[in-house]
Amino acid sequence: MATALRGKDPDRVMRAARWLVMVGEFRLTDALDVCVFLSKHEPASHRGSRARARLVARLATELRIGLDHFDQLFTWAEVLPDPQAIYGLRRVCEEVDRARRRAADARAAPP
C-alpha cells in the first residue's frame, strides 16, 4: 500500500487496497490513507466520496457512536485533505485498529 500511495495513480492505490482487503489486512488507517490520497489526486471524484463515506460508516459502526460524534467524523472526512482532519481521523482509526488487534489476539490466544 505504501508504495502505491507514493505514486500518483489512483487505480494502483485502489488495486492495493482491494488486495489488502482480500488478504484480510486492510486496516482503518489504510482506508484513511486511501481517502487522503483520493482527496488530493481526485478531489471531485465519486470514488473518493464513496471511500470517505465508507470510512465514516465503518468508524461509526466500530465505535457505536451517536449522531453528535458522527457529525465530527463526517466533517473531518468532508474536508480531507485538511491536516487537522487527517490528524483527528488518524487518531480515531488507530484507536479502532488497536482495539481490533487486541480482540483478534484474545481470540487467538489458547484458553
Protein backbone atom coordinates (compact mmCIF):
# COMPACT_ATOMS: atom_id res chain seq x y z
CA MET A 1 0.00 0.00 0.00
CA ALA A 2 2.78 2.42 0.93
CA THR A 3 4.41 2.07 -2.48
CA ALA A 4 1.13 2.71 -4.27
CA LEU A 5 0.44 5.77 -2.12
CA ARG A 6 3.80 7.30 -3.03
CA GLY A 7 2.80 7.31 -6.69
CA LYS A 8 0.13 9.34 -8.41
CA ASP A 9 -2.02 6.55 -9.86
CA PRO A 10 -5.41 6.24 -8.14
CA ASP A 11 -6.12 2.94 -9.89
CA ARG A 12 -2.94 1.44 -8.44
CA VAL A 13 -3.91 2.63 -4.96
CA MET A 14 -7.34 1.06 -5.32
CA ARG A 15 -5.82 -2.23 -6.51
CA ALA A 16 -3.51 -2.25 -3.49
CA ALA A 17 -6.46 -1.57 -1.20
CA ARG A 18 -8.51 -4.38 -2.76
CA TRP A 19 -5.58 -6.76 -2.33
CA LEU A 20 -5.27 -5.86 1.36
CA VAL A 21 -9.00 -6.46 1.78
CA MET A 22 -8.68 -9.86 0.08
CA VAL A 23 -5.90 -10.98 2.40
CA GLY A 24 -7.63 -9.58 5.47
CA GLU A 25 -5.02 -6.93 6.22
CA PHE A 26 -6.93 -3.75 5.37
CA ARG A 27 -7.00 -1.52 8.43
CA LEU A 28 -8.94 1.65 9.03
CA THR A 29 -5.69 3.60 8.83
CA ASP A 30 -5.25 2.15 5.34
CA ALA A 31 -8.76 3.30 4.47
CA LEU A 32 -7.89 6.78 5.71
CA ASP A 33 -4.72 6.80 3.62
CA VAL A 34 -6.78 5.91 0.54
CA CYS A 35 -9.25 8.69 1.34
CA VAL A 36 -6.49 11.25 1.76
CA PHE A 37 -4.82 10.12 -1.46
CA LEU A 38 -8.05 10.33 -3.43
CA SER A 39 -8.93 13.71 -1.95
CA LYS A 40 -5.58 15.03 -3.17
CA HIS A 41 -5.45 13.33 -6.57
CA GLU A 42 -9.15 13.12 -7.47
CA PRO A 43 -10.79 15.82 -5.35
CA ALA A 44 -14.16 15.74 -7.13
CA SER A 45 -14.38 12.01 -7.77
CA HIS A 46 -17.28 9.82 -6.77
CA ARG A 47 -14.75 7.16 -5.87
CA GLY A 48 -13.21 9.41 -3.22
CA SER A 49 -16.61 10.45 -1.92
CA ARG A 50 -17.69 6.82 -1.55
CA ALA A 51 -14.41 5.92 0.15
CA ARG A 52 -14.87 8.71 2.69
CA ALA A 53 -18.47 7.64 3.31
CA ARG A 54 -17.38 4.03 3.89
CA LEU A 55 -14.65 5.16 6.28
CA VAL A 56 -17.07 7.22 8.36
CA ALA A 57 -19.63 4.41 8.35
CA ARG A 58 -17.05 1.85 9.46
CA LEU A 59 -15.80 4.12 12.24
CA ALA A 60 -19.32 4.89 13.43
CA THR A 61 -20.18 1.19 13.47
CA GLU A 62 -16.99 0.13 15.23
CA LEU A 63 -17.27 2.87 17.83
CA ARG A 64 -21.05 2.58 18.24
CA ILE A 65 -21.38 6.33 18.30
CA GLY A 66 -24.36 8.63 18.16
CA LEU A 67 -25.07 11.46 15.78
CA ASP A 68 -23.14 14.01 17.83
CA HIS A 69 -19.85 12.20 17.28
CA PHE A 70 -20.85 11.04 13.81
CA ASP A 71 -21.11 14.67 12.78
CA GLN A 72 -17.47 15.25 13.77
CA LEU A 73 -16.28 12.24 11.78
CA PHE A 74 -18.34 13.34 8.80
CA THR A 75 -16.98 16.88 8.97
CA TRP A 76 -13.40 15.65 9.11
CA ALA A 77 -13.97 13.32 6.15
CA GLU A 78 -15.65 16.08 4.19
CA VAL A 79 -12.71 18.48 4.49
CA LEU A 80 -9.94 16.00 3.67
CA PRO A 81 -7.05 16.54 2.98
CA ASP A 82 -7.11 19.19 5.71
CA PRO A 83 -4.23 18.41 8.13
CA GLN A 84 -6.39 18.77 11.24
CA ALA A 85 -8.98 16.43 9.75
CA ILE A 86 -6.28 13.90 8.91
CA TYR A 87 -4.93 14.15 12.45
CA GLY A 88 -8.35 13.68 14.04
CA LEU A 89 -9.36 10.79 11.82
CA ARG A 90 -5.97 9.10 12.14
CA ARG A 91 -6.23 9.13 15.95
CA VAL A 92 -9.66 7.51 15.79
CA CYS A 93 -8.62 4.99 13.12
CA GLU A 94 -5.53 3.98 15.07
CA GLU A 95 -7.57 3.54 18.24
CA VAL A 96 -10.05 1.26 16.47
CA ASP A 97 -7.26 -0.67 14.71
CA ARG A 98 -5.55 -1.28 18.07
CA ALA A 99 -8.80 -2.47 19.63
CA ARG A 100 -9.43 -4.82 16.72
CA ARG A 101 -5.89 -6.24 17.01
CA ARG A 102 -6.32 -6.81 20.75
CA ALA A 103 -9.64 -8.57 20.15
CA ALA A 104 -8.11 -10.77 17.45
CA ASP A 105 -5.15 -11.61 19.69
CA ALA A 106 -7.51 -12.51 22.53
CA ARG A 107 -9.49 -14.83 20.25
CA ALA A 108 -6.29 -16.48 19.02
CA ALA A 109 -4.83 -17.00 22.50
CA PRO A 110 -5.06 -20.52 23.86
CA PRO A 111 -7.68 -20.99 26.59
